[in-house]
Amino acid sequence: MQNRFWRYLPLDPPTPASVTAFLDRRLADRWGDGGYQCAIELTDAQHLIGTVRIAIDDPAHRSGDIGYALNGASSGRGYRTEAVSRILQLCFEELDLHRLSATTDVENDASWRVMERLGMQREGRLRHHRQVRGTWRDSYLHAILKSDR
């Protein structure tokens, strides 16, 4: 399952060293104004199974975008849906954003189905949006407004 997930991203599959470096960079950034990186952790397992990123694109227009990643072994259990749902709640209720968007590879049906399940509307297809390991990939653009919730 993990290989299926990583084939959509322009990143190499994680190693313990790359995960440690990623977390160290995020802790050093202390984003605050420009965005947030949130961990997805199982309460009883006490280990990281994924992340959700919020980037505030335009504070004046109260818009941002989200991205998320989940360990392949944890897929299909509702964790991604629960995490993204809580992030949407945080963005609209606590951060008072007006609009959130997200993109995903057109073949990553697990990802875009979560977006649609949570009320995000597909706004279009971005042709050759990302290059992944030498191959141009199309993405779907989804968005949701505060008033949609």
Protein backbone atom coordinates (compact mmCIF):
# COMPACT_ATOMS: atom_id res chain seq x y z
CA MET A 1 0.00 0.00 0.00
CA GLN A 2 2.85 2.42 0.78
CA ASN A 3 4.33 2.08 -2.73
CA ARG A 4 0.93 2.98 -4.20
CA PHE A 5 0.87 6.19 -2.18
CA TRP A 6 4.44 7.32 -2.90
CA ARG A 7 4.09 6.89 -6.64
CA TYR A 8 1.92 10.03 -6.68
CA LEU A 9 4.45 12.29 -4.95
CA PRO A 10 7.60 13.97 -6.27
CA LEU A 11 9.43 12.63 -3.20
CA ASP A 12 11.44 9.56 -2.43
CA PRO A 13 9.85 7.03 -0.04
CA PRO A 14 10.70 7.92 3.56
CA THR A 15 13.53 6.49 5.59
CA PRO A 16 14.04 6.95 9.35
CA ALA A 17 16.71 9.57 8.57
CA SER A 18 14.51 11.51 6.11
CA VAL A 19 11.56 11.52 8.54
CA THR A 20 13.81 12.79 11.34
CA ALA A 21 15.19 15.53 9.08
CA PHE A 22 11.65 16.50 7.99
CA LEU A 23 10.44 16.77 11.58
CA ASP A 24 13.53 18.74 12.62
CA ARG A 25 12.94 21.25 9.78
CA ARG A 26 9.27 21.66 10.71
CA LEU A 27 10.04 22.17 14.39
CA ALA A 28 12.70 24.76 13.51
CA ASP A 29 10.36 26.62 11.13
CA ARG A 30 7.77 27.47 13.78
CA TRP A 31 5.46 28.34 10.88
CA GLY A 32 2.69 30.20 12.72
CA ASP A 33 1.75 32.95 10.24
CA GLY A 34 2.32 31.07 6.99
CA GLY A 35 0.98 27.66 7.88
CA TYR A 36 1.03 24.64 10.11
CA GLN A 37 2.28 21.08 9.94
CA CYS A 38 0.19 18.71 12.05
CA ALA A 39 0.99 15.15 13.04
CA ILE A 40 -1.48 12.29 12.74
CA GLU A 41 -0.89 9.94 15.62
CA LEU A 42 -2.93 7.05 16.98
CA THR A 43 -3.80 7.73 20.60
CA ASP A 44 -2.89 4.27 21.86
CA ALA A 45 0.06 3.57 19.53
CA GLN A 46 2.04 6.78 20.20
CA HIS A 47 3.72 6.85 16.82
CA LEU A 48 3.35 9.06 13.77
CA ILE A 49 1.16 7.60 11.00
CA GLY A 50 0.85 10.72 8.86
CA THR A 51 0.82 14.49 8.53
CA VAL A 52 -1.50 17.28 7.45
CA ARG A 53 -0.13 20.58 6.16
CA ILE A 54 -2.01 23.88 6.14
CA ALA A 55 -0.57 26.77 4.13
CA ILE A 56 -2.15 30.21 4.36
CA ASP A 57 -1.81 31.42 0.75
CA ASP A 58 -3.44 34.80 1.03
CA PRO A 59 -4.20 36.18 4.51
CA ALA A 60 -6.07 39.19 3.07
CA HIS A 61 -8.51 36.90 1.29
CA ARG A 62 -8.44 34.28 4.06
CA SER A 63 -7.53 31.44 1.71
CA GLY A 64 -5.24 28.49 2.10
CA ASP A 65 -4.50 25.01 0.93
CA ILE A 66 -4.04 21.69 2.62
CA GLY A 67 -2.06 18.58 1.88
CA TYR A 68 -1.87 15.31 3.73
CA ALA A 69 0.03 12.06 3.81
CA LEU A 70 -0.73 8.82 5.62
CA ASN A 71 1.37 5.74 6.14
CA GLY A 72 0.17 3.07 3.70
CA ALA A 73 -0.26 0.53 6.48
CA SER A 74 -2.83 2.85 8.07
CA SER A 75 -4.91 3.40 4.92
CA GLY A 76 -8.51 2.28 4.65
CA ARG A 77 -9.34 2.75 8.33
CA GLY A 78 -10.86 6.23 8.24
CA TYR A 79 -7.85 7.99 9.77
CA ARG A 80 -7.28 10.24 6.74
CA THR A 81 -10.96 11.27 6.67
CA GLU A 82 -10.97 12.00 10.40
CA ALA A 83 -7.73 14.01 10.24
CA VAL A 84 -8.77 16.10 7.22
CA SER A 85 -12.22 16.70 8.75
CA ARG A 86 -10.63 18.05 11.92
CA ILE A 87 -8.24 20.21 9.90
CA LEU A 88 -11.16 21.69 7.94
CA GLN A 89 -12.85 22.45 11.25
CA LEU A 90 -9.68 24.12 12.57
CA CYS A 91 -9.25 26.18 9.41
CA PHE A 92 -12.80 27.47 9.32
CA GLU A 93 -13.58 27.81 13.03
CA GLU A 94 -10.24 28.74 14.62
CA LEU A 95 -8.26 30.30 11.75
CA ASP A 96 -11.38 31.90 10.22
CA LEU A 97 -10.37 31.01 6.66
CA HIS A 98 -12.91 31.55 3.89
CA ARG A 99 -11.61 29.06 1.29
CA LEU A 100 -9.41 25.96 1.33
CA SER A 101 -8.11 24.10 -1.69
CA ALA A 102 -6.13 20.92 -2.29
CA THR A 103 -4.70 19.08 -5.26
CA THR A 104 -4.14 15.39 -5.81
CA ASP A 105 -2.99 13.15 -8.62
CA VAL A 106 -5.97 12.16 -10.80
CA GLU A 107 -5.16 8.48 -10.19
CA ASN A 108 -5.04 8.88 -6.40
CA ASP A 109 -8.69 8.00 -5.92
CA ALA A 110 -8.26 7.40 -2.16
CA SER A 111 -7.25 11.03 -1.76
CA TRP A 112 -9.80 12.76 -3.95
CA ARG A 113 -12.60 10.59 -2.56
CA VAL A 114 -11.77 11.83 0.95
CA MET A 115 -11.95 15.41 -0.31
CA GLU A 116 -15.32 14.83 -1.95
CA ARG A 117 -16.66 12.89 1.05
CA LEU A 118 -15.88 15.94 3.20
CA GLY A 119 -17.66 18.37 0.87
CA MET A 120 -14.76 19.63 -1.22
CA GLN A 121 -15.85 20.25 -4.79
CA ARG A 122 -13.77 19.31 -7.79
CA GLU A 123 -13.02 22.55 -9.61
CA GLY A 124 -10.90 21.24 -12.42
CA ARG A 125 -8.04 19.22 -13.79
CA LEU A 126 -4.55 20.73 -13.84
CA ARG A 127 -2.71 19.27 -16.81
CA HIS A 128 0.95 18.33 -16.27
CA HIS A 129 0.76 19.88 -12.82
CA ARG A 130 3.56 17.87 -11.19
CA GLN A 131 6.55 15.99 -12.46
CA VAL A 132 7.03 12.75 -10.57
CA ARG A 133 10.22 10.82 -11.24
CA GLY A 134 10.50 12.19 -14.76
CA THR A 135 6.83 11.83 -15.74
CA TRP A 136 4.36 14.71 -15.92
CA ARG A 137 1.21 14.01 -13.90
CA ASP A 138 -2.22 15.65 -13.95
CA SER A 139 -3.90 16.74 -10.73
CA TYR A 140 -7.45 17.44 -9.65
CA LEU A 141 -8.10 20.73 -7.87
CA HIS A 142 -10.68 20.58 -5.09
CA ALA A 143 -11.90 23.42 -2.86
CA ILE A 144 -14.35 24.13 -0.10
CA LEU A 145 -15.75 27.39 1.27
CA LYS A 146 -16.55 28.10 4.90
CA SER A 147 -20.19 28.52 3.86
CA ASP A 148 -20.20 24.97 2.38
CA ARG A 149 -19.83 23.38 5.81
